[in-house]
């Protein structure tokens, strides 16, 4: 059974069960929650649950996660969006506009999922990215108003097969294999954080590989949303992977490149959102 949950300090709330328990009408699936931009009922429900000593919270250890949004119309990614990553990638010119590419719904993978590496590639790499979750239809929005179209933020791993990515000048193949867009474990609503100043970190088997801050983005979230909306209509639930900092494997000298392999555990942490964990097999 699919449950929409809310995580608070006291525990995990099953929205549907809580709504029935307290006779409060709340959405019980993610896309309805996103499209219902007024979260007043949910916030009131949470406050009432905190005061209800008899309410039974969900056991987090027994939960099996889905991707933060299971069926987005679009998954759009931004490449080369940190100066440090541009430098390690040996790109001669800093992008003057966001570098965009896409993934498909078949790339979505959930937090804590055991992900089987495909057999048609060898050079597997991680890319920690802050993920924007669009909250309402956006077309030709200004930078100043862009963030008002954002529902929230999640953690993403723009998983990449570098040998396939650079087979041609188009990156799609190396970015869009099945399971290549882990996103989760949750969505934090836009009113809860400032996307321009969040620590972002990748660990592989417990060792830090990437460590930066979203303040170092070349194009911030507002600029990205505005730019994309000039060219295509963003819809509720669309996901935007905003760029990765330095520290990816392909940025190492060739003799030091140790590509991801079966048994590796990749954990991407973004401040105020959480940690996205993927186990390779």
Foldseek 3Di string as FASTA:
>chain_A
DDFDWDQDPVAIGGVVVLCVVVVFDDDTDDLVNLQVLPCPSVVVSVVVVVVDPPDDHDDPVPDDAFFQFQAFPWEKEWEQFFVQACVLVVPPDRDPATDIDGEHSQQEDEFPEAAEDDPPADFKKKFKFKKWFFRAKFALDALVCQCVRTFFIWIWIQIFRVVVCVPDPHRHVRRYDGNRIYIDDYTDGPVQDDQLFKWKWKDKVRHTQDTDTSVRTNAHPSRVRNVVNHPDMGHGGYMYGYYGHDRMQSSDPPVPRDGDDQQMWMWMAIPPHGIGIYHYD
